[in-house]
């Protein structure tokens, strides 16, 4: 998967990871992929809900030892 932009929201709690992702996606074109790194345990459900509400596709959702990693494809 090609990542077009990456943001690191480590240390930020809800709703900041979503707000930063929304801002980054607004600067991207349709089909581009944004990778988001987060540490907020609630980020998984937040990004699932964000994708459903906005129509962006959540193409990756994984947990590493220290982070949650998401990839969103811009609609």
PDB file of N, CA and C in Angstrom:
ATOM      1  N   UNK A   1       0.848  -1.183   0.000  1.00  0.00           N
ATOM      2  CA  UNK A   1       0.000   0.000   0.000  1.00  0.00           C
ATOM      3  C   UNK A   1       0.893   1.245   0.000  1.00  0.00           C
ATOM      4  N   UNK A   2       0.569   2.166  -0.865  1.00  0.00           N
ATOM      5  CA  UNK A   2       1.323   3.416  -0.935  1.00  0.00           C
ATOM      6  C   UNK A   2       0.740   4.424   0.050  1.00  0.00           C
ATOM      7  N   UNK A   3       1.599   4.951   0.912  1.00  0.00           N
ATOM      8  CA  UNK A   3       1.199   5.982   1.874  1.00  0.00           C
ATOM      9  C   UNK A   3       1.585   7.333   1.285  1.00  0.00           C
ATOM     10  N   UNK A   4       0.611   8.224   1.166  1.00  0.00           N
ATOM     11  CA  UNK A   4       0.870   9.544   0.592  1.00  0.00           C
ATOM     12  C   UNK A   4       1.241  10.585   1.639  1.00  0.00           C
ATOM     13  N   UNK A   5       0.757  10.387   2.861  1.00  0.00           N
ATOM     14  CA  UNK A   5       1.044  11.339   3.938  1.00  0.00           C
ATOM     15  C   UNK A   5       0.961  10.581   5.253  1.00  0.00           C
ATOM     16  N   UNK A   6       1.773  10.985   6.218  1.00  0.00           N
ATOM     17  CA  UNK A   6       1.767  10.337   7.531  1.00  0.00           C
ATOM     18  C   UNK A   6       1.751  11.394   8.622  1.00  0.00           C
ATOM     19  N   UNK A   7       0.930  11.149   9.650  1.00  0.00           N
ATOM     20  CA  UNK A   7       0.930  12.028  10.815  1.00  0.00           C
ATOM     21  C   UNK A   7       1.079  11.171  12.070  1.00  0.00           C
ATOM     22  N   UNK A   8       1.775  11.720  13.045  1.00  0.00           N
ATOM     23  CA  UNK A   8       1.991  11.032  14.317  1.00  0.00           C
ATOM     24  C   UNK A   8       1.244  11.805  15.400  1.00  0.00           C
ATOM     25  N   UNK A   9       0.217  11.165  15.955  1.00  0.00           N
ATOM     26  CA  UNK A   9      -0.574  11.817  16.999  1.00  0.00           C
ATOM     27  C   UNK A   9      -0.299  11.184  18.365  1.00  0.00           C
ATOM     28  N   UNK A  10       0.849  10.559  18.504  1.00  0.00           N
ATOM     29  CA  UNK A  10       1.227   9.918  19.769  1.00  0.00           C
ATOM     30  C   UNK A  10       1.147  10.920  20.915  1.00  0.00           C
ATOM     31  N   UNK A  11       0.569  10.464  22.021  1.00  0.00           N
ATOM     32  CA  UNK A  11       0.449  11.314  23.198  1.00  0.00           C
ATOM     33  C   UNK A  11      -0.788  12.186  23.222  1.00  0.00           C
ATOM     34  N   UNK A  12      -1.505  12.231  22.103  1.00  0.00           N
ATOM     35  CA  UNK A  12      -2.723  13.046  22.048  1.00  0.00           C
ATOM     36  C   UNK A  12      -3.939  12.175  22.325  1.00  0.00           C
ATOM     37  N   UNK A  13      -4.901  12.723  23.050  1.00  0.00           N
ATOM     38  CA  UNK A  13      -6.133  11.999  23.355  1.00  0.00           C
ATOM     39  C   UNK A  13      -7.284  12.538  22.525  1.00  0.00           C
ATOM     40  N   UNK A  14      -8.350  11.755  22.484  1.00  0.00           N
ATOM     41  CA  UNK A  14      -9.557  12.105  21.760  1.00  0.00           C
ATOM     42  C   UNK A  14      -9.988  13.514  22.154  1.00  0.00           C
ATOM     43  N   UNK A  15     -10.383  14.327  21.229  1.00  0.00           N
ATOM     44  CA  UNK A  15     -10.604  14.084  19.800  1.00  0.00           C
ATOM     45  C   UNK A  15      -9.435  14.523  18.903  1.00  0.00           C
ATOM     46  N   UNK A  16      -8.284  14.849  19.481  1.00  0.00           N
ATOM     47  CA  UNK A  16      -7.198  15.430  18.684  1.00  0.00           C
ATOM     48  C   UNK A  16      -6.695  14.538  17.538  1.00  0.00           C
ATOM     49  N   UNK A  17      -6.526  13.209  17.722  1.00  0.00           N
ATOM     50  CA  UNK A  17      -6.081  12.407  16.569  1.00  0.00           C
ATOM     51  C   UNK A  17      -7.050  12.491  15.387  1.00  0.00           C
ATOM     52  N   UNK A  18      -8.343  12.487  15.675  1.00  0.00           N
ATOM     53  CA  UNK A  18      -9.347  12.583  14.606  1.00  0.00           C
ATOM     54  C   UNK A  18      -9.294  13.962  13.956  1.00  0.00           C
ATOM     55  N   UNK A  19      -9.189  14.999  14.759  1.00  0.00           N
ATOM     56  CA  UNK A  19      -9.145  16.357  14.199  1.00  0.00           C
ATOM     57  C   UNK A  19      -7.913  16.557  13.318  1.00  0.00           C
ATOM     58  N   UNK A  20      -6.770  16.042  13.741  1.00  0.00           N
ATOM     59  CA  UNK A  20      -5.555  16.162  12.935  1.00  0.00           C
ATOM     60  C   UNK A  20      -5.669  15.347  11.646  1.00  0.00           C
ATOM     61  N   UNK A  21      -6.297  14.174  11.732  1.00  0.00           N
ATOM     62  CA  UNK A  21      -6.503  13.355  10.541  1.00  0.00           C
ATOM     63  C   UNK A  21      -7.452  14.056   9.571  1.00  0.00           C
ATOM     64  N   UNK A  22      -8.510  14.637  10.102  1.00  0.00           N
ATOM     65  CA  UNK A  22      -9.474  15.353   9.255  1.00  0.00           C
ATOM     66  C   UNK A  22      -8.791  16.508   8.526  1.00  0.00           C
ATOM     67  N   UNK A  23      -7.968  17.259   9.238  1.00  0.00           N
ATOM     68  CA  UNK A  23      -7.252  18.378   8.629  1.00  0.00           C
ATOM     69  C   UNK A  23      -6.303  17.881   7.529  1.00  0.00           C
ATOM     70  N   UNK A  24      -5.587  16.810   7.809  1.00  0.00           N
ATOM     71  CA  UNK A  24      -4.653  16.261   6.819  1.00  0.00           C
ATOM     72  C   UNK A  24      -5.397  15.749   5.588  1.00  0.00           C
ATOM     73  N   UNK A  25      -6.525  15.075   5.787  1.00  0.00           N
ATOM     74  CA  UNK A  25      -7.303  14.549   4.660  1.00  0.00           C
ATOM     75  C   UNK A  25      -7.858  15.675   3.797  1.00  0.00           C
ATOM     76  N   UNK A  26      -8.186  16.803   4.406  1.00  0.00           N
ATOM     77  CA  UNK A  26      -8.712  17.941   3.645  1.00  0.00           C
ATOM     78  C   UNK A  26      -7.694  18.481   2.647  1.00  0.00           C
ATOM     79  N   UNK A  27      -6.403  18.278   2.938  1.00  0.00           N
ATOM     80  CA  UNK A  27      -5.336  18.756   2.058  1.00  0.00           C
ATOM     81  C   UNK A  27      -4.933  17.718   1.008  1.00  0.00           C
ATOM     82  N   UNK A  28      -5.611  16.581   0.993  1.00  0.00           N
ATOM     83  CA  UNK A  28      -5.259  15.496   0.078  1.00  0.00           C
ATOM     84  C   UNK A  28      -6.308  15.368  -1.021  1.00  0.00           C
ATOM     85  N   UNK A  29      -5.960  14.631  -2.076  1.00  0.00           N
ATOM     86  CA  UNK A  29      -6.911  14.418  -3.167  1.00  0.00           C
ATOM     87  C   UNK A  29      -7.513  13.021  -3.057  1.00  0.00           C
ATOM     88  N   UNK A  30      -8.626  12.814  -3.722  1.00  0.00           N
ATOM     89  CA  UNK A  30      -9.339  11.550  -3.682  1.00  0.00           C
ATOM     90  C   UNK A  30      -8.419  10.385  -4.065  1.00  0.00           C
ATOM     91  N   UNK A  31      -8.467   9.321  -3.254  1.00  0.00           N
ATOM     92  CA  UNK A  31      -7.674   8.131  -3.527  1.00  0.00           C
ATOM     93  C   UNK A  31      -6.344   8.091  -2.797  1.00  0.00           C
ATOM     94  N   UNK A  32      -5.900   9.235  -2.281  1.00  0.00           N
ATOM     95  CA  UNK A  32      -4.646   9.236  -1.535  1.00  0.00           C
ATOM     96  C   UNK A  32      -4.851   8.604  -0.157  1.00  0.00           C
ATOM     97  N   UNK A  33      -3.749   8.085   0.414  1.00  0.00           N
ATOM     98  CA  UNK A  33      -3.824   7.362   1.678  1.00  0.00           C
ATOM     99  C   UNK A  33      -3.052   8.113   2.764  1.00  0.00           C
ATOM    100  N   UNK A  34      -3.722   8.291   3.900  1.00  0.00           N
ATOM    101  CA  UNK A  34      -3.134   8.938   5.073  1.00  0.00           C
ATOM    102  C   UNK A  34      -2.872   7.874   6.129  1.00  0.00           C
ATOM    103  N   UNK A  35      -1.639   7.846   6.638  1.00  0.00           N
ATOM    104  CA  UNK A  35      -1.292   6.943   7.736  1.00  0.00           C
ATOM    105  C   UNK A  35      -1.285   7.750   9.020  1.00  0.00           C
ATOM    106  N   UNK A  36      -1.946   7.219  10.050  1.00  0.00           N
ATOM    107  CA  UNK A  36      -2.026   7.900  11.342  1.00  0.00           C
ATOM    108  C   UNK A  36      -1.469   6.965  12.413  1.00  0.00           C
ATOM    109  N   UNK A  37      -0.546   7.482  13.207  1.00  0.00           N
ATOM    110  CA  UNK A  37      -0.005   6.746  14.344  1.00  0.00           C
ATOM    111  C   UNK A  37      -0.590   7.380  15.597  1.00  0.00           C
ATOM    112  N   UNK A  38      -1.148   6.546  16.481  1.00  0.00           N
ATOM    113  CA  UNK A  38      -1.804   7.059  17.688  1.00  0.00           C
ATOM    114  C   UNK A  38      -1.457   6.187  18.891  1.00  0.00           C
ATOM    115  N   UNK A  39      -1.635   6.756  20.077  1.00  0.00           N
ATOM    116  CA  UNK A  39      -1.443   5.995  21.313  1.00  0.00           C
ATOM    117  C   UNK A  39      -2.719   5.938  22.147  1.00  0.00           C
ATOM    118  N   UNK A  40      -3.714   6.712  21.796  1.00  0.00           N
ATOM    119  CA  UNK A  40      -4.983   6.755  22.533  1.00  0.00           C
ATOM    120  C   UNK A  40      -5.705   5.415  22.376  1.00  0.00           C
ATOM    121  N   UNK A  41      -5.980   4.720  23.491  1.00  0.00           N
ATOM    122  CA  UNK A  41      -6.655   3.418  23.401  1.00  0.00           C
ATOM    123  C   UNK A  41      -8.038   3.478  22.742  1.00  0.00           C
ATOM    124  N   UNK A  42      -8.667   4.640  22.774  1.00  0.00           N
ATOM    125  CA  UNK A  42      -9.983   4.783  22.152  1.00  0.00           C
ATOM    126  C   UNK A  42      -9.922   5.085  20.666  1.00  0.00           C
ATOM    127  N   UNK A  43      -8.732   5.189  20.123  1.00  0.00           N
ATOM    128  CA  UNK A  43      -8.574   5.586  18.724  1.00  0.00           C
ATOM    129  C   UNK A  43      -9.214   4.590  17.757  1.00  0.00           C
ATOM    130  N   UNK A  44      -9.183   3.308  18.079  1.00  0.00           N
ATOM    131  CA  UNK A  44      -9.741   2.308  17.164  1.00  0.00           C
ATOM    132  C   UNK A  44     -11.208   2.572  16.877  1.00  0.00           C
ATOM    133  N   UNK A  45     -11.987   2.708  17.930  1.00  0.00           N
ATOM    134  CA  UNK A  45     -13.421   2.956  17.700  1.00  0.00           C
ATOM    135  C   UNK A  45     -13.661   4.345  17.111  1.00  0.00           C
ATOM    136  N   UNK A  46     -12.820   5.296  17.497  1.00  0.00           N
ATOM    137  CA  UNK A  46     -12.957   6.655  16.959  1.00  0.00           C
ATOM    138  C   UNK A  46     -12.729   6.674  15.446  1.00  0.00           C
ATOM    139  N   UNK A  47     -11.686   5.995  14.973  1.00  0.00           N
ATOM    140  CA  UNK A  47     -11.400   6.004  13.542  1.00  0.00           C
ATOM    141  C   UNK A  47     -12.419   5.184  12.752  1.00  0.00           C
ATOM    142  N   UNK A  48     -12.947   4.108  13.345  1.00  0.00           N
ATOM    143  CA  UNK A  48     -14.018   3.354  12.685  1.00  0.00           C
ATOM    144  C   UNK A  48     -15.242   4.248  12.482  1.00  0.00           C
ATOM    145  N   UNK A  49     -15.638   4.965  13.531  1.00  0.00           N
ATOM    146  CA  UNK A  49     -16.797   5.857  13.449  1.00  0.00           C
ATOM    147  C   UNK A  49     -16.528   7.005  12.471  1.00  0.00           C
ATOM    148  N   UNK A  50     -15.327   7.563  12.511  1.00  0.00           N
ATOM    149  CA  UNK A  50     -14.955   8.660  11.616  1.00  0.00           C
ATOM    150  C   UNK A  50     -15.065   8.219  10.151  1.00  0.00           C
ATOM    151  N   UNK A  51     -14.569   7.027   9.856  1.00  0.00           N
ATOM    152  CA  UNK A  51     -14.629   6.516   8.478  1.00  0.00           C
ATOM    153  C   UNK A  51     -16.080   6.340   8.030  1.00  0.00           C
ATOM    154  N   UNK A  52     -16.919   5.789   8.898  1.00  0.00           N
ATOM    155  CA  UNK A  52     -18.331   5.597   8.542  1.00  0.00           C
ATOM    156  C   UNK A  52     -19.035   6.932   8.306  1.00  0.00           C
ATOM    157  N   UNK A  53     -18.748   7.908   9.153  1.00  0.00           N
ATOM    158  CA  UNK A  53     -19.428   9.198   9.063  1.00  0.00           C
ATOM    159  C   UNK A  53     -18.983  10.014   7.864  1.00  0.00           C
ATOM    160  N   UNK A  54     -17.716   9.890   7.474  1.00  0.00           N
ATOM    161  CA  UNK A  54     -17.173  10.756   6.431  1.00  0.00           C
ATOM    162  C   UNK A  54     -17.098  10.105   5.052  1.00  0.00           C
ATOM    163  N   UNK A  55     -17.172   8.765   5.007  1.00  0.00           N
ATOM    164  CA  UNK A  55     -17.066   8.082   3.726  1.00  0.00           C
ATOM    165  C   UNK A  55     -15.639   7.760   3.317  1.00  0.00           C
ATOM    166  N   UNK A  56     -14.653   8.141   4.132  1.00  0.00           N
ATOM    167  CA  UNK A  56     -13.271   7.744   3.864  1.00  0.00           C
ATOM    168  C   UNK A  56     -13.158   6.251   4.191  1.00  0.00           C
ATOM    169  N   UNK A  57     -12.268   5.554   3.486  1.00  0.00           N
ATOM    170  CA  UNK A  57     -12.132   4.111   3.691  1.00  0.00           C
ATOM    171  C   UNK A  57     -11.006   3.830   4.680  1.00  0.00           C
ATOM    172  N   UNK A  58     -11.321   3.089   5.734  1.00  0.00           N
ATOM    173  CA  UNK A  58     -10.308   2.667   6.705  1.00  0.00           C
ATOM    174  C   UNK A  58      -9.663   1.398   6.150  1.00  0.00           C
ATOM    175  N   UNK A  59      -8.497   1.543   5.523  1.00  0.00           N
ATOM    176  CA  UNK A  59      -7.866   0.426   4.818  1.00  0.00           C
ATOM    177  C   UNK A  59      -6.871  -0.337   5.684  1.00  0.00           C
ATOM    178  N   UNK A  60      -6.498   0.217   6.819  1.00  0.00           N
ATOM    179  CA  UNK A  60      -5.574  -0.471   7.717  1.00  0.00           C
ATOM    180  C   UNK A  60      -5.872  -0.058   9.141  1.00  0.00           C
ATOM    181  N   UNK A  61      -5.881  -1.060  10.018  1.00  0.00           N
ATOM    182  CA  UNK A  61      -6.072  -0.803  11.441  1.00  0.00           C
ATOM    183  C   UNK A  61      -5.290  -1.898  12.157  1.00  0.00           C
ATOM    184  N   UNK A  62      -4.193  -1.516  12.818  1.00  0.00           N
ATOM    185  CA  UNK A  62      -3.399  -2.520  13.516  1.00  0.00           C
ATOM    186  C   UNK A  62      -2.846  -1.947  14.811  1.00  0.00           C
ATOM    187  N   UNK A  63      -2.496  -2.869  15.707  1.00  0.00           N
ATOM    188  CA  UNK A  63      -1.922  -2.480  16.992  1.00  0.00           C
ATOM    189  C   UNK A  63      -0.521  -3.059  17.060  1.00  0.00           C
ATOM    190  N   UNK A  64       0.440  -2.193  17.353  1.00  0.00           N
ATOM    191  CA  UNK A  64       1.795  -2.651  17.618  1.00  0.00           C
ATOM    192  C   UNK A  64       1.976  -2.642  19.131  1.00  0.00           C
ATOM    193  N   UNK A  65       3.173  -2.927  19.606  1.00  0.00           N
ATOM    194  CA  UNK A  65       3.391  -2.919  21.055  1.00  0.00           C
ATOM    195  C   UNK A  65       3.123  -1.555  21.676  1.00  0.00           C
ATOM    196  N   UNK A  66       3.478  -0.503  20.961  1.00  0.00           N
ATOM    197  CA  UNK A  66       3.390   0.835  21.543  1.00  0.00           C
ATOM    198  C   UNK A  66       2.370   1.755  20.892  1.00  0.00           C
ATOM    199  N   UNK A  67       1.866   1.384  19.711  1.00  0.00           N
ATOM    200  CA  UNK A  67       1.017   2.299  18.948  1.00  0.00           C
ATOM    201  C   UNK A  67      -0.170   1.598  18.303  1.00  0.00           C
ATOM    202  N   UNK A  68      -1.086   2.429  17.887  1.00  0.00           N
ATOM    203  CA  UNK A  68      -2.153   2.007  16.989  1.00  0.00           C
ATOM    204  C   UNK A  68      -1.841   2.661  15.652  1.00  0.00           C
ATOM    205  N   UNK A  69      -2.002   1.920  14.566  1.00  0.00           N
ATOM    206  CA  UNK A  69      -1.700   2.448  13.244  1.00  0.00           C
ATOM    207  C   UNK A  69      -2.944   2.330  12.375  1.00  0.00           C
ATOM    208  N   UNK A  70      -3.277   3.420  11.709  1.00  0.00           N
ATOM    209  CA  UNK A  70      -4.451   3.460  10.837  1.00  0.00           C
ATOM    210  C   UNK A  70      -4.040   4.002   9.485  1.00  0.00           C
ATOM    211  N   UNK A  71      -4.736   3.550   8.456  1.00  0.00           N
ATOM    212  CA  UNK A  71      -4.565   4.150   7.128  1.00  0.00           C
ATOM    213  C   UNK A  71      -5.960   4.436   6.600  1.00  0.00           C
ATOM    214  N   UNK A  72      -6.157   5.660   6.171  1.00  0.00           N
ATOM    215  CA  UNK A  72      -7.439   6.106   5.627  1.00  0.00           C
ATOM    216  C   UNK A  72      -7.250   6.521   4.182  1.00  0.00           C
ATOM    217  N   UNK A  73      -8.117   5.984   3.318  1.00  0.00           N
ATOM    218  CA  UNK A  73      -8.085   6.394   1.906  1.00  0.00           C
ATOM    219  C   UNK A  73      -9.124   7.482   1.706  1.00  0.00           C
ATOM    220  N   UNK A  74      -8.672   8.614   1.188  1.00  0.00           N
ATOM    221  CA  UNK A  74      -9.557   9.756   0.989  1.00  0.00           C
ATOM    222  C   UNK A  74     -10.636   9.429  -0.029  1.00  0.00           C
ATOM    223  N   UNK A  75     -11.854   9.807   0.281  1.00  0.00           N
ATOM    224  CA  UNK A  75     -12.973   9.547  -0.638  1.00  0.00           C
ATOM    225  C   UNK A  75     -12.939  10.486  -1.824  1.00  0.00           C
TER     226      UNK A  75
END
